[in-house]
Each structure stands twice: as C-alpha cells, then as structure tokens.
Amino acid sequence: MSETKTLEHNLPIHSDPEIMSGVPVFCGTRVPVQTLFDYLADGCSVPEFLENFPTVSHDQVMQVLEVASSRVIEGVPSR
C-alpha cells in the first residue's frame, strides 16, 4: 500500500509514490503542480492552463498561487 502525503494542510496538492513517481500533483489528478508554474513562466494564462488540464479546478490553482505568493512575500526581508 502506498503512502500518500498531503504537502500542506488545506492545500490541494499531494504526493504519492504510485502517482507520477511521487511528484507533487493537484489532488485527484495526475497533473504536476510544476506544470502550472511552467505554463505561467511561458506566458500562458490561468484559463489557458485550465483549458489544457480540465481535471484541475480553478479553486485548486488559486489556492496554490495564493500560497506561493505568500511564501515569496514572507521570504522578502523588510527594509
């Protein structure tokens, strides 16, 4: 039996060695979270990403982006 890891409480991401070799994916999908960031880095919009990966919900994407944003802001030293 595989061990599924939820990477952060209430974050729609999990890692399971039996799904994509343990790469963090959006819950309920086989879509790696890194794919979202790759799409955005390439200049694609969130709607374009969702169109190409319909198993990922808009809410899931927004939750991931909010957490990523807060982590970046928390990591910026105050002046």
PDB file of N, CA and C in Angstrom:
ATOM      1  N   MET A   1       0.845  -1.170   0.000  1.00  0.00           N
ATOM      2  CA  MET A   1       0.000   0.000   0.000  1.00  0.00           C
ATOM      3  C   MET A   1       0.891   1.234   0.000  1.00  0.00           C
ATOM      4  N   SER A   2       0.550   2.220  -0.863  1.00  0.00           N
ATOM      5  CA  SER A   2       1.379   3.418  -0.959  1.00  0.00           C
ATOM      6  C   SER A   2       1.023   4.412   0.134  1.00  0.00           C
ATOM      7  N   GLU A   3       1.969   5.283   0.399  1.00  0.00           N
ATOM      8  CA  GLU A   3       1.750   6.324   1.396  1.00  0.00           C
ATOM      9  C   GLU A   3       1.550   7.641   0.667  1.00  0.00           C
ATOM     10  N   THR A   4       0.376   8.209   0.788  1.00  0.00           N
ATOM     11  CA  THR A   4       0.079   9.493   0.178  1.00  0.00           C
ATOM     12  C   THR A   4       0.429  10.584   1.167  1.00  0.00           C
ATOM     13  N   LYS A   5       1.075  11.623   0.688  1.00  0.00           N
ATOM     14  CA  LYS A   5       1.435  12.748   1.544  1.00  0.00           C
ATOM     15  C   LYS A   5       0.677  13.978   1.071  1.00  0.00           C
ATOM     16  N   THR A   6      -0.003  14.638   1.988  1.00  0.00           N
ATOM     17  CA  THR A   6      -0.551  15.952   1.702  1.00  0.00           C
ATOM     18  C   THR A   6       0.548  16.915   2.078  1.00  0.00           C
ATOM     19  N   LEU A   7       0.940  17.742   1.143  1.00  0.00           N
ATOM     20  CA  LEU A   7       2.116  18.570   1.358  1.00  0.00           C
ATOM     21  C   LEU A   7       1.867  19.715   2.326  1.00  0.00           C
ATOM     22  N   GLU A   8       0.660  20.203   2.414  1.00  0.00           N
ATOM     23  CA  GLU A   8       0.327  21.237   3.390  1.00  0.00           C
ATOM     24  C   GLU A   8      -1.164  21.151   3.648  1.00  0.00           C
ATOM     25  N   HIS A   9      -1.543  21.281   4.900  1.00  0.00           N
ATOM     26  CA  HIS A   9      -2.949  21.220   5.268  1.00  0.00           C
ATOM     27  C   HIS A   9      -3.760  22.202   4.426  1.00  0.00           C
ATOM     28  N   ASN A  10      -4.867  21.752   3.875  1.00  0.00           N
ATOM     29  CA  ASN A  10      -5.790  22.546   3.064  1.00  0.00           C
ATOM     30  C   ASN A  10      -5.240  22.940   1.700  1.00  0.00           C
ATOM     31  N   LEU A  11      -4.066  22.509   1.329  1.00  0.00           N
ATOM     32  CA  LEU A  11      -3.521  22.798   0.008  1.00  0.00           C
ATOM     33  C   LEU A  11      -3.877  21.626  -0.907  1.00  0.00           C
ATOM     34  N   PRO A  12      -4.388  21.901  -2.096  1.00  0.00           N
ATOM     35  CA  PRO A  12      -4.865  20.824  -2.961  1.00  0.00           C
ATOM     36  C   PRO A  12      -3.748  20.116  -3.728  1.00  0.00           C
ATOM     37  N   ILE A  13      -2.712  19.748  -3.008  1.00  0.00           N
ATOM     38  CA  ILE A  13      -1.551  19.071  -3.607  1.00  0.00           C
ATOM     39  C   ILE A  13      -1.245  17.837  -2.783  1.00  0.00           C
ATOM     40  N   HIS A  14      -0.869  16.764  -3.467  1.00  0.00           N
ATOM     41  CA  HIS A  14      -0.403  15.604  -2.726  1.00  0.00           C
ATOM     42  C   HIS A  14       0.691  14.902  -3.502  1.00  0.00           C
ATOM     43  N   SER A  15       1.375  14.037  -2.802  1.00  0.00           N
ATOM     44  CA  SER A  15       2.463  13.266  -3.382  1.00  0.00           C
ATOM     45  C   SER A  15       2.252  11.808  -3.004  1.00  0.00           C
ATOM     46  N   ASP A  16       2.283  10.946  -3.997  1.00  0.00           N
ATOM     47  CA  ASP A  16       2.081   9.516  -3.796  1.00  0.00           C
ATOM     48  C   ASP A  16       3.076   8.795  -4.700  1.00  0.00           C
ATOM     49  N   PRO A  17       3.896   7.926  -4.162  1.00  0.00           N
ATOM     50  CA  PRO A  17       4.886   7.235  -4.988  1.00  0.00           C
ATOM     51  C   PRO A  17       4.275   6.476  -6.171  1.00  0.00           C
ATOM     52  N   GLU A  18       3.011   6.135  -6.075  1.00  0.00           N
ATOM     53  CA  GLU A  18       2.364   5.393  -7.158  1.00  0.00           C
ATOM     54  C   GLU A  18       1.715   6.303  -8.200  1.00  0.00           C
ATOM     55  N   ILE A  19       1.749   7.610  -7.969  1.00  0.00           N
ATOM     56  CA  ILE A  19       1.207   8.562  -8.934  1.00  0.00           C
ATOM     57  C   ILE A  19       2.347   9.472  -9.369  1.00  0.00           C
ATOM     58  N   MET A  20       2.712   9.387 -10.630  1.00  0.00           N
ATOM     59  CA  MET A  20       3.774  10.213 -11.198  1.00  0.00           C
ATOM     60  C   MET A  20       5.072  10.112 -10.390  1.00  0.00           C
ATOM     61  N   SER A  21       5.361   8.934  -9.879  1.00  0.00           N
ATOM     62  CA  SER A  21       6.591   8.664  -9.119  1.00  0.00           C
ATOM     63  C   SER A  21       6.783   9.577  -7.918  1.00  0.00           C
ATOM     64  N   GLY A  22       5.685  10.045  -7.346  1.00  0.00           N
ATOM     65  CA  GLY A  22       5.774  10.867  -6.152  1.00  0.00           C
ATOM     66  C   GLY A  22       5.906  12.358  -6.395  1.00  0.00           C
ATOM     67  N   VAL A  23       5.884  12.773  -7.663  1.00  0.00           N
ATOM     68  CA  VAL A  23       5.936  14.196  -7.983  1.00  0.00           C
ATOM     69  C   VAL A  23       4.676  14.854  -7.415  1.00  0.00           C
ATOM     70  N   PRO A  24       4.776  16.020  -6.780  1.00  0.00           N
ATOM     71  CA  PRO A  24       3.578  16.685  -6.267  1.00  0.00           C
ATOM     72  C   PRO A  24       2.594  17.017  -7.398  1.00  0.00           C
ATOM     73  N   VAL A  25       1.359  16.578  -7.227  1.00  0.00           N
ATOM     74  CA  VAL A  25       0.310  16.785  -8.221  1.00  0.00           C
ATOM     75  C   VAL A  25      -0.896  17.438  -7.555  1.00  0.00           C
ATOM     76  N   PHE A  26      -1.766  18.021  -8.383  1.00  0.00           N
ATOM     77  CA  PHE A  26      -3.032  18.517  -7.871  1.00  0.00           C
ATOM     78  C   PHE A  26      -3.861  17.323  -7.422  1.00  0.00           C
ATOM     79  N   CYS A  27      -4.487  17.414  -6.254  1.00  0.00           N
ATOM     80  CA  CYS A  27      -5.295  16.319  -5.721  1.00  0.00           C
ATOM     81  C   CYS A  27      -6.334  15.867  -6.731  1.00  0.00           C
ATOM     82  N   GLY A  28      -6.469  14.557  -6.843  1.00  0.00           N
ATOM     83  CA  GLY A  28      -7.462  13.973  -7.735  1.00  0.00           C
ATOM     84  C   GLY A  28      -7.063  13.967  -9.193  1.00  0.00           C
ATOM     85  N   THR A  29      -5.806  14.346  -9.476  1.00  0.00           N
ATOM     86  CA  THR A  29      -5.334  14.383 -10.862  1.00  0.00           C
ATOM     87  C   THR A  29      -3.953  13.743 -10.952  1.00  0.00           C
ATOM     88  N   ARG A  30      -3.446  13.704 -12.162  1.00  0.00           N
ATOM     89  CA  ARG A  30      -2.064  13.303 -12.397  1.00  0.00           C
ATOM     90  C   ARG A  30      -1.283  14.493 -12.956  1.00  0.00           C
ATOM     91  N   VAL A  31      -1.768  15.695 -12.694  1.00  0.00           N
ATOM     92  CA  VAL A  31      -1.160  16.917 -13.232  1.00  0.00           C
ATOM     93  C   VAL A  31      -0.157  17.476 -12.217  1.00  0.00           C
ATOM     94  N   PRO A  32       1.127  17.469 -12.565  1.00  0.00           N
ATOM     95  CA  PRO A  32       2.129  18.019 -11.660  1.00  0.00           C
ATOM     96  C   PRO A  32       1.906  19.512 -11.420  1.00  0.00           C
ATOM     97  N   VAL A  33       2.082  19.939 -10.196  1.00  0.00           N
ATOM     98  CA  VAL A  33       1.947  21.351  -9.855  1.00  0.00           C
ATOM     99  C   VAL A  33       2.976  22.170 -10.637  1.00  0.00           C
ATOM    100  N   GLN A  34       4.140  21.614 -10.855  1.00  0.00           N
ATOM    101  CA  GLN A  34       5.180  22.318 -11.612  1.00  0.00           C
ATOM    102  C   GLN A  34       4.682  22.719 -12.993  1.00  0.00           C
ATOM    103  N   THR A  35       3.770  21.948 -13.568  1.00  0.00           N
ATOM    104  CA  THR A  35       3.235  22.272 -14.890  1.00  0.00           C
ATOM    105  C   THR A  35       2.535  23.623 -14.879  1.00  0.00           C
ATOM    106  N   LEU A  36       1.814  23.936 -13.802  1.00  0.00           N
ATOM    107  CA  LEU A  36       1.167  25.243 -13.691  1.00  0.00           C
ATOM    108  C   LEU A  36       2.216  26.348 -13.758  1.00  0.00           C
ATOM    109  N   PHE A  37       3.284  26.215 -12.974  1.00  0.00           N
ATOM    110  CA  PHE A  37       4.312  27.250 -12.950  1.00  0.00           C
ATOM    111  C   PHE A  37       5.048  27.337 -14.290  1.00  0.00           C
ATOM    112  N   ASP A  38       5.236  26.205 -14.951  1.00  0.00           N
ATOM    113  CA  ASP A  38       5.860  26.215 -16.278  1.00  0.00           C
ATOM    114  C   ASP A  38       4.985  26.969 -17.274  1.00  0.00           C
ATOM    115  N   TYR A  39       3.689  26.721 -17.248  1.00  0.00           N
ATOM    116  CA  TYR A  39       2.753  27.422 -18.138  1.00  0.00           C
ATOM    117  C   TYR A  39       2.817  28.927 -17.887  1.00  0.00           C
ATOM    118  N   LEU A  40       2.747  29.319 -16.626  1.00  0.00           N
ATOM    119  CA  LEU A  40       2.776  30.741 -16.296  1.00  0.00           C
ATOM    120  C   LEU A  40       4.096  31.385 -16.716  1.00  0.00           C
ATOM    121  N   ALA A  41       5.194  30.683 -16.512  1.00  0.00           N
ATOM    122  CA  ALA A  41       6.506  31.203 -16.900  1.00  0.00           C
ATOM    123  C   ALA A  41       6.620  31.376 -18.410  1.00  0.00           C
ATOM    124  N   ASP A  42       5.892  30.545 -19.141  1.00  0.00           N
ATOM    125  CA  ASP A  42       5.905  30.634 -20.603  1.00  0.00           C
ATOM    126  C   ASP A  42       4.940  31.691 -21.131  1.00  0.00           C
ATOM    127  N   GLY A  43       4.265  32.408 -20.220  1.00  0.00           N
ATOM    128  CA  GLY A  43       3.375  33.478 -20.638  1.00  0.00           C
ATOM    129  C   GLY A  43       1.927  33.070 -20.836  1.00  0.00           C
ATOM    130  N   CYS A  44       1.594  31.840 -20.481  1.00  0.00           N
ATOM    131  CA  CYS A  44       0.204  31.386 -20.601  1.00  0.00           C
ATOM    132  C   CYS A  44      -0.608  31.906 -19.422  1.00  0.00           C
ATOM    133  N   SER A  45      -1.898  32.003 -19.623  1.00  0.00           N
ATOM    134  CA  SER A  45      -2.796  32.459 -18.567  1.00  0.00           C
ATOM    135  C   SER A  45      -3.350  31.266 -17.791  1.00  0.00           C
ATOM    136  N   VAL A  46      -3.938  31.562 -16.647  1.00  0.00           N
ATOM    137  CA  VAL A  46      -4.590  30.508 -15.870  1.00  0.00           C
ATOM    138  C   VAL A  46      -5.714  29.865 -16.690  1.00  0.00           C
ATOM    139  N   PRO A  47      -6.567  30.639 -17.380  1.00  0.00           N
ATOM    140  CA  PRO A  47      -7.596  29.991 -18.203  1.00  0.00           C
ATOM    141  C   PRO A  47      -7.019  29.046 -19.270  1.00  0.00           C
ATOM    142  N   GLU A  48      -5.875  29.401 -19.851  1.00  0.00           N
ATOM    143  CA  GLU A  48      -5.245  28.510 -20.831  1.00  0.00           C
ATOM    144  C   GLU A  48      -4.798  27.215 -20.162  1.00  0.00           C
ATOM    145  N   PHE A  49      -4.205  27.339 -18.984  1.00  0.00           N
ATOM    146  CA  PHE A  49      -3.783  26.148 -18.246  1.00  0.00           C
ATOM    147  C   PHE A  49      -4.996  25.257 -17.963  1.00  0.00           C
ATOM    148  N   LEU A  50      -6.064  25.857 -17.451  1.00  0.00           N
ATOM    149  CA  LEU A  50      -7.265  25.089 -17.106  1.00  0.00           C
ATOM    150  C   LEU A  50      -7.900  24.443 -18.327  1.00  0.00           C
ATOM    151  N   GLU A  51      -7.828  25.114 -19.458  1.00  0.00           N
ATOM    152  CA  GLU A  51      -8.373  24.541 -20.694  1.00  0.00           C
ATOM    153  C   GLU A  51      -7.605  23.279 -21.085  1.00  0.00           C
ATOM    154  N   ASN A  52      -6.301  23.308 -20.875  1.00  0.00           N
ATOM    155  CA  ASN A  52      -5.465  22.164 -21.236  1.00  0.00           C
ATOM    156  C   ASN A  52      -5.458  21.058 -20.184  1.00  0.00           C
ATOM    157  N   PHE A  53      -5.853  21.395 -18.953  1.00  0.00           N
ATOM    158  CA  PHE A  53      -5.868  20.422 -17.860  1.00  0.00           C
ATOM    159  C   PHE A  53      -7.207  20.510 -17.127  1.00  0.00           C
ATOM    160  N   PRO A  54      -8.270  20.036 -17.761  1.00  0.00           N
ATOM    161  CA  PRO A  54      -9.620  20.193 -17.200  1.00  0.00           C
ATOM    162  C   PRO A  54      -9.869  19.443 -15.896  1.00  0.00           C
ATOM    163  N   THR A  55      -8.978  18.551 -15.508  1.00  0.00           N
ATOM    164  CA  THR A  55      -9.163  17.850 -14.230  1.00  0.00           C
ATOM    165  C   THR A  55      -8.745  18.708 -13.045  1.00  0.00           C
ATOM    166  N   VAL A  56      -8.051  19.810 -13.320  1.00  0.00           N
ATOM    167  CA  VAL A  56      -7.642  20.743 -12.271  1.00  0.00           C
ATOM    168  C   VAL A  56      -8.704  21.837 -12.192  1.00  0.00           C
ATOM    169  N   SER A  57      -9.127  22.175 -10.984  1.00  0.00           N
ATOM    170  CA  SER A  57     -10.150  23.212 -10.833  1.00  0.00           C
ATOM    171  C   SER A  57      -9.511  24.595 -10.667  1.00  0.00           C
ATOM    172  N   HIS A  58     -10.304  25.592 -10.982  1.00  0.00           N
ATOM    173  CA  HIS A  58      -9.862  26.975 -10.802  1.00  0.00           C
ATOM    174  C   HIS A  58      -9.505  27.223  -9.341  1.00  0.00           C
ATOM    175  N   ASP A  59     -10.320  26.706  -8.421  1.00  0.00           N
ATOM    176  CA  ASP A  59     -10.044  26.881  -6.994  1.00  0.00           C
ATOM    177  C   ASP A  59      -8.702  26.276  -6.594  1.00  0.00           C
ATOM    178  N   GLN A  60      -8.382  25.103  -7.134  1.00  0.00           N
ATOM    179  CA  GLN A  60      -7.098  24.485  -6.820  1.00  0.00           C
ATOM    180  C   GLN A  60      -5.943  25.385  -7.258  1.00  0.00           C
ATOM    181  N   VAL A  61      -6.045  25.921  -8.472  1.00  0.00           N
ATOM    182  CA  VAL A  61      -4.984  26.791  -8.994  1.00  0.00           C
ATOM    183  C   VAL A  61      -4.847  28.031  -8.122  1.00  0.00           C
ATOM    184  N   MET A  62      -5.967  28.644  -7.774  1.00  0.00           N
ATOM    185  CA  MET A  62      -5.917  29.866  -6.971  1.00  0.00           C
ATOM    186  C   MET A  62      -5.316  29.607  -5.587  1.00  0.00           C
ATOM    187  N   GLN A  63      -5.648  28.468  -4.985  1.00  0.00           N
ATOM    188  CA  GLN A  63      -5.072  28.135  -3.678  1.00  0.00           C
ATOM    189  C   GLN A  63      -3.559  27.982  -3.771  1.00  0.00           C
ATOM    190  N   VAL A  64      -3.086  27.303  -4.794  1.00  0.00           N
ATOM    191  CA  VAL A  64      -1.647  27.099  -4.963  1.00  0.00           C
ATOM    192  C   VAL A  64      -0.946  28.431  -5.191  1.00  0.00           C
ATOM    193  N   LEU A  65      -1.522  29.284  -6.035  1.00  0.00           N
ATOM    194  CA  LEU A  65      -0.903  30.572  -6.317  1.00  0.00           C
ATOM    195  C   LEU A  65      -0.898  31.482  -5.087  1.00  0.00           C
ATOM    196  N   GLU A  66      -1.961  31.440  -4.292  1.00  0.00           N
ATOM    197  CA  GLU A  66      -2.010  32.244  -3.071  1.00  0.00           C
ATOM    198  C   GLU A  66      -0.924  31.820  -2.087  1.00  0.00           C
ATOM    199  N   VAL A  67      -0.750  30.513  -1.920  1.00  0.00           N
ATOM    200  CA  VAL A  67       0.286  30.023  -1.008  1.00  0.00           C
ATOM    201  C   VAL A  67       1.670  30.379  -1.539  1.00  0.00           C
ATOM    202  N   ALA A  68       1.882  30.204  -2.830  1.00  0.00           N
ATOM    203  CA  ALA A  68       3.185  30.540  -3.414  1.00  0.00           C
ATOM    204  C   ALA A  68       3.476  32.026  -3.238  1.00  0.00           C
ATOM    205  N   SER A  69       2.482  32.856  -3.466  1.00  0.00           N
ATOM    206  CA  SER A  69       2.648  34.298  -3.309  1.00  0.00           C
ATOM    207  C   SER A  69       2.989  34.665  -1.868  1.00  0.00           C
ATOM    208  N   SER A  70       2.271  34.088  -0.928  1.00  0.00           N
ATOM    209  CA  SER A  70       2.535  34.417   0.477  1.00  0.00           C
ATOM    210  C   SER A  70       3.916  33.943   0.904  1.00  0.00           C
ATOM    211  N   ARG A  71       4.358  32.811   0.367  1.00  0.00           N
ATOM    212  CA  ARG A  71       5.695  32.312   0.711  1.00  0.00           C
ATOM    213  C   ARG A  71       6.775  33.234   0.172  1.00  0.00           C
ATOM    214  N   VAL A  72       6.561  33.775  -1.021  1.00  0.00           N
ATOM    215  CA  VAL A  72       7.541  34.704  -1.592  1.00  0.00           C
ATOM    216  C   VAL A  72       7.578  35.975  -0.766  1.00  0.00           C
ATOM    217  N   ILE A  73       6.398  36.498  -0.430  1.00  0.00           N
ATOM    218  CA  ILE A  73       6.332  37.739   0.347  1.00  0.00           C
ATOM    219  C   ILE A  73       6.946  37.535   1.731  1.00  0.00           C
ATOM    220  N   GLU A  74       6.664  36.403   2.369  1.00  0.00           N
ATOM    221  CA  GLU A  74       7.234  36.118   3.690  1.00  0.00           C
ATOM    222  C   GLU A  74       8.752  36.026   3.632  1.00  0.00           C
ATOM    223  N   GLY A  75       9.276  35.592   2.495  1.00  0.00           N
ATOM    224  CA  GLY A  75      10.708  35.405   2.360  1.00  0.00           C
ATOM    225  C   GLY A  75      11.466  36.670   2.016  1.00  0.00           C
ATOM    226  N   VAL A  76      10.736  37.758   1.706  1.00  0.00           N
ATOM    227  CA  VAL A  76      11.396  39.013   1.354  1.00  0.00           C
ATOM    228  C   VAL A  76      11.756  39.762   2.629  1.00  0.00           C
ATOM    229  N   PRO A  77      13.048  40.093   2.803  1.00  0.00           N
ATOM    230  CA  PRO A  77      13.448  40.801   4.025  1.00  0.00           C
ATOM    231  C   PRO A  77      12.851  42.213   4.034  1.00  0.00           C
ATOM    232  N   SER A  78      12.476  42.678   5.214  1.00  0.00           N
ATOM    233  CA  SER A  78      11.928  44.036   5.339  1.00  0.00           C
ATOM    234  C   SER A  78      13.063  45.046   5.269  1.00  0.00           C
ATOM    235  N   ARG A  79      12.709  46.237   4.805  1.00  0.00           N
ATOM    236  CA  ARG A  79      13.740  47.283   4.654  1.00  0.00           C
ATOM    237  C   ARG A  79      13.622  48.288   5.740  1.00  0.00           C
TER     238      ARG A  79
END
